[in-house]
C-alpha atoms as a PDB file:
ATOM      1  CA  MET A   1     189.490-179.129 -60.885  1.00  0.00           C
ATOM      2  CA  LEU A   2     187.365-178.257 -64.056  1.00  0.00           C
ATOM      3  CA  ILE A   3     188.201-176.169 -66.540  1.00  0.00           C
ATOM      4  CA  MET A   4     185.221-173.633 -67.666  1.00  0.00           C
ATOM      5  CA  ASP A   5     185.014-172.995 -71.269  1.00  0.00           C
ATOM      6  CA  THR A   6     182.874-169.941 -72.507  1.00  0.00           C
ATOM      7  CA  SER A   7     180.011-171.732 -73.628  1.00  0.00           C
ATOM      8  CA  ALA A   8     179.621-173.368 -69.760  1.00  0.00           C
ATOM      9  CA  TRP A   9     179.726-169.878 -68.503  1.00  0.00           C
ATOM     10  CA  LEU A  10     176.965-168.740 -70.875  1.00  0.00           C
ATOM     11  CA  ALA A  11     174.907-172.454 -70.507  1.00  0.00           C
ATOM     12  CA  MET A  12     175.358-171.296 -66.643  1.00  0.00           C
ATOM     13  CA  PHE A  13     174.570-167.733 -67.354  1.00  0.00           C
ATOM     14  CA  ASP A  14     171.090-169.727 -68.916  1.00  0.00           C
ATOM     15  CA  ALA A  15     170.515-171.325 -65.827  1.00  0.00           C
ATOM     16  CA  SER A  16     171.882-174.798 -67.139  1.00  0.00           C
ATOM     17  CA  SER A  17     170.454-177.578 -65.266  1.00  0.00           C
ATOM     18  CA  GLU A  18     172.858-179.894 -66.664  1.00  0.00           C
ATOM     19  CA  ILE A  19     175.891-177.782 -66.354  1.00  0.00           C
ATOM     20  CA  ARG A  20     175.115-177.007 -62.695  1.00  0.00           C
ATOM     21  CA  GLY A  21     175.178-180.977 -62.367  1.00  0.00           C
ATOM     22  CA  VAL A  22     178.358-181.154 -63.928  1.00  0.00           C
ATOM     23  CA  ILE A  23     180.375-178.211 -61.960  1.00  0.00           C
ATOM     24  CA  GLU A  24     178.323-179.035 -58.668  1.00  0.00           C
ATOM     25  CA  HIS A  25     181.573-179.356 -56.083  1.00  0.00           C
ATOM     26  CA  GLU A  26     184.279-178.729 -58.130  1.00  0.00           C
ATOM     27  CA  ASP A  27     186.973-176.405 -58.152  1.00  0.00           C
ATOM     28  CA  LEU A  28     186.468-174.110 -61.160  1.00  0.00           C
ATOM     29  CA  LEU A  29     188.872-172.788 -63.526  1.00  0.00           C
ATOM     30  CA  THR A  30     188.307-170.061 -66.148  1.00  0.00           C
ATOM     31  CA  PRO A  31     190.808-169.398 -68.784  1.00  0.00           C
ATOM     32  CA  SER A  32     191.812-165.534 -69.072  1.00  0.00           C
ATOM     33  CA  ILE A  33     190.408-165.333 -72.459  1.00  0.00           C
ATOM     34  CA  ALA A  34     187.202-167.638 -71.932  1.00  0.00           C
ATOM     35  CA  VAL A  35     186.485-164.133 -69.904  1.00  0.00           C
ATOM     36  CA  ALA A  36     187.286-162.158 -73.078  1.00  0.00           C
ATOM     37  CA  GLU A  37     184.985-164.418 -75.157  1.00  0.00           C
ATOM     38  CA  VAL A  38     182.062-164.213 -72.955  1.00  0.00           C
ATOM     39  CA  ALA A  39     181.765-160.387 -72.646  1.00  0.00           C
ATOM     40  CA  LYS A  40     182.180-160.049 -76.178  1.00  0.00           C
ATOM     41  CA  ILE A  41     179.421-162.455 -76.555  1.00  0.00           C
ATOM     42  CA  LEU A  42     177.161-160.938 -74.000  1.00  0.00           C
ATOM     43  CA  LYS A  43     177.747-157.478 -75.715  1.00  0.00           C
ATOM     44  CA  GLN A  44     177.020-158.536 -78.811  1.00  0.00           C
ATOM     45  CA  ARG A  45     173.703-159.819 -77.003  1.00  0.00           C
ATOM     46  CA  GLY A  46     172.781-156.571 -76.218  1.00  0.00           C
ATOM     47  CA  ASN A  47     173.405-156.930 -72.666  1.00  0.00           C
ATOM     48  CA  SER A  48     174.341-153.334 -70.984  1.00  0.00           C
ATOM     49  CA  ASP A  49     177.881-152.868 -69.643  1.00  0.00           C
ATOM     50  CA  GLU A  50     176.373-153.129 -66.022  1.00  0.00           C
ATOM     51  CA  ILE A  51     174.873-156.820 -66.464  1.00  0.00           C
ATOM     52  CA  ILE A  52     178.405-157.764 -68.263  1.00  0.00           C
ATOM     53  CA  ASP A  53     180.361-156.569 -65.550  1.00  0.00           C
ATOM     54  CA  SER A  54     178.288-158.321 -62.450  1.00  0.00           C
ATOM     55  CA  LEU A  55     178.560-161.795 -64.991  1.00  0.00           C
ATOM     56  CA  ILE A  56     182.320-161.589 -64.973  1.00  0.00           C
ATOM     57  CA  SER A  57     182.123-160.510 -61.181  1.00  0.00           C
ATOM     58  CA  LYS A  58     180.458-163.746 -60.850  1.00  0.00           C
ATOM     59  CA  ILE A  59     183.560-165.753 -62.995  1.00  0.00           C
ATOM     60  CA  LYS A  60     185.844-164.277 -60.618  1.00  0.00           C
ATOM     61  CA  ARG A  61     183.968-165.259 -57.310  1.00  0.00           C
ATOM     62  CA  GLU A  62     182.914-168.698 -58.723  1.00  0.00           C
ATOM     63  CA  SER A  63     186.697-169.789 -59.938  1.00  0.00           C
ATOM     64  CA  ALA A  64     190.302-168.979 -60.342  1.00  0.00           C
ATOM     65  CA  ILE A  65     191.109-167.133 -63.524  1.00  0.00           C
ATOM     66  CA  LEU A  66     194.107-168.656 -65.652  1.00  0.00           C
ATOM     67  CA  PRO A  67     196.638-166.121 -66.867  1.00  0.00           C
ATOM     68  CA  LEU A  68     197.655-166.441 -70.634  1.00  0.00           C
ATOM     69  CA  ASP A  69     201.521-166.677 -70.583  1.00  0.00           C
ATOM     70  CA  GLU A  70     204.052-168.286 -73.424  1.00  0.00           C
ATOM     71  CA  ASN A  71     204.240-171.510 -72.786  1.00  0.00           C
ATOM     72  CA  ASN A  72     200.518-171.931 -72.949  1.00  0.00           C
ATOM     73  CA  ALA A  73     200.441-169.868 -75.990  1.00  0.00           C
ATOM     74  CA  ALA A  74     202.537-171.416 -77.799  1.00  0.00           C
ATOM     75  CA  LEU A  75     200.677-174.977 -76.776  1.00  0.00           C
ATOM     76  CA  ALA A  76     197.514-173.394 -77.903  1.00  0.00           C
ATOM     77  CA  GLY A  77     198.510-172.778 -81.524  1.00  0.00           C
ATOM     78  CA  VAL A  78     199.792-176.090 -81.820  1.00  0.00           C
ATOM     79  CA  LEU A  79     196.565-177.690 -80.289  1.00  0.00           C
ATOM     80  CA  SER A  80     194.435-175.445 -82.713  1.00  0.00           C
ATOM     81  CA  ILE A  81     195.874-177.223 -85.610  1.00  0.00           C
ATOM     82  CA  LYS A  82     196.015-180.395 -84.325  1.00  0.00           C
ATOM     83  CA  ASN A  83     192.572-180.651 -83.435  1.00  0.00           C
ATOM     84  CA  HIS A  84     190.665-178.111 -85.612  1.00  0.00           C
ATOM     85  CA  PHE A  85     190.255-175.629 -83.210  1.00  0.00           C
ATOM     86  CA  ASP A  86     189.330-171.863 -83.459  1.00  0.00           C
ATOM     87  CA  PHE A  87     192.103-170.050 -81.481  1.00  0.00           C
ATOM     88  CA  VAL A  88     190.233-169.806 -78.361  1.00  0.00           C
ATOM     89  CA  ASP A  89     189.423-172.972 -78.391  1.00  0.00           C
ATOM     90  CA  GLY A  90     192.893-173.784 -78.597  1.00  0.00           C
ATOM     91  CA  VAL A  91     193.605-171.872 -75.518  1.00  0.00           C
ATOM     92  CA  ILE A  92     191.439-173.166 -73.532  1.00  0.00           C
ATOM     93  CA  TYR A  93     192.457-176.626 -74.025  1.00  0.00           C
ATOM     94  CA  SER A  94     196.122-175.542 -73.268  1.00  0.00           C
ATOM     95  CA  TYR A  95     195.369-175.558 -69.835  1.00  0.00           C
ATOM     96  CA  ALA A  96     193.399-179.362 -69.958  1.00  0.00           C
ATOM     97  CA  SER A  97     194.868-182.483 -68.472  1.00  0.00           C
ATOM     98  CA  LYS A  98     193.510-185.630 -67.197  1.00  0.00           C
ATOM     99  CA  ASP A  99     193.107-184.125 -63.779  1.00  0.00           C
ATOM    100  CA  ARG A 100     191.547-180.544 -65.071  1.00  0.00           C
ATOM    101  CA  LYS A 101     189.208-181.041 -67.837  1.00  0.00           C
ATOM    102  CA  VAL A 102     187.575-178.616 -69.782  1.00  0.00           C
ATOM    103  CA  VAL A 103     183.332-178.545 -69.356  1.00  0.00           C
ATOM    104  CA  SER A 104     182.051-176.967 -72.609  1.00  0.00           C
ATOM    105  CA  THR A 105     178.603-177.428 -75.011  1.00  0.00           C
ATOM    106  CA  ASP A 106     180.706-176.597 -77.844  1.00  0.00           C
ATOM    107  CA  SER A 107     180.624-179.411 -80.200  1.00  0.00           C
ATOM    108  CA  ASP A 108     184.395-179.047 -80.757  1.00  0.00           C
ATOM    109  CA  PHE A 109     185.078-180.352 -77.543  1.00  0.00           C
ATOM    110  CA  LYS A 110     183.030-183.686 -78.036  1.00  0.00           C
ATOM    111  CA  ASN A 111     185.460-186.655 -77.674  1.00  0.00           C
ATOM    112  CA  LYS A 112     188.466-185.035 -76.655  1.00  0.00           C
ATOM    113  CA  PRO A 113     190.063-186.503 -74.176  1.00  0.00           C
ATOM    114  CA  PHE A 114     190.501-183.900 -71.561  1.00  0.00           C
ATOM    115  CA  ALA A 115     186.887-182.504 -72.024  1.00  0.00           C
ATOM    116  CA  ILE A 116     183.361-182.977 -70.771  1.00  0.00           C
ATOM    117  CA  TYR A 117     180.980-182.433 -73.308  1.00  0.00           C
ATOM    118  CA  ILE A 118     177.770-181.133 -72.800  1.00  0.00           C
ATOM    119  CA  ASP A 119     175.164-181.337 -75.830  1.00  0.00           C
ATOM    120  CA  LEU A 120     172.276-178.990 -74.946  1.00  0.00           C
ATOM    121  CA  ARG A 121     170.680-179.061 -78.387  1.00  0.00           C
ATOM    122  CA  LYS A 122     169.399-182.059 -77.706  1.00  0.00           C
ATOM    123  CA  LYS A 123     166.870-180.744 -74.918  1.00  0.00           C
ATOM    124  CA  LYS A 124     165.575-178.827 -78.169  1.00  0.00           C
END
C-alpha cells in the first residue's frame, strides 16, 4: 500500500510516468486533507469546477480516502515540528509506516524513512 501526497496526484494529472511507475500495481490511499489541498491548488491554477470535480472523482476511484481522526491530528502536530513540515504534510505523514509509504514529489519528504521521494525537477 502507498499513500499519495498532494504533489503525487498533481504529477499524475500532469501525466508523470515516474509516478505511474512507482504506483503501478499498488493499492493506493489518500488522506482526506490531500484531497482538499489538490482541490485548492487546481482552483488556484484556474481550473473549472467541472474539471476539479472530475479529478477528485479520479482520486476517489483510484484510492481509498483516509479520514482525519483525533489520533492522526495529534500525531500530525508532533510530526510537523519534528520533521519541519507544514501542517498538511504532517497530517499526510501521520498515516505512514514501513508498510505504507508516502509517495511525493515534495522535497520535504526527501530522506524520510516512510516516504518515496521522486525528484521531478531533475528532468527539467
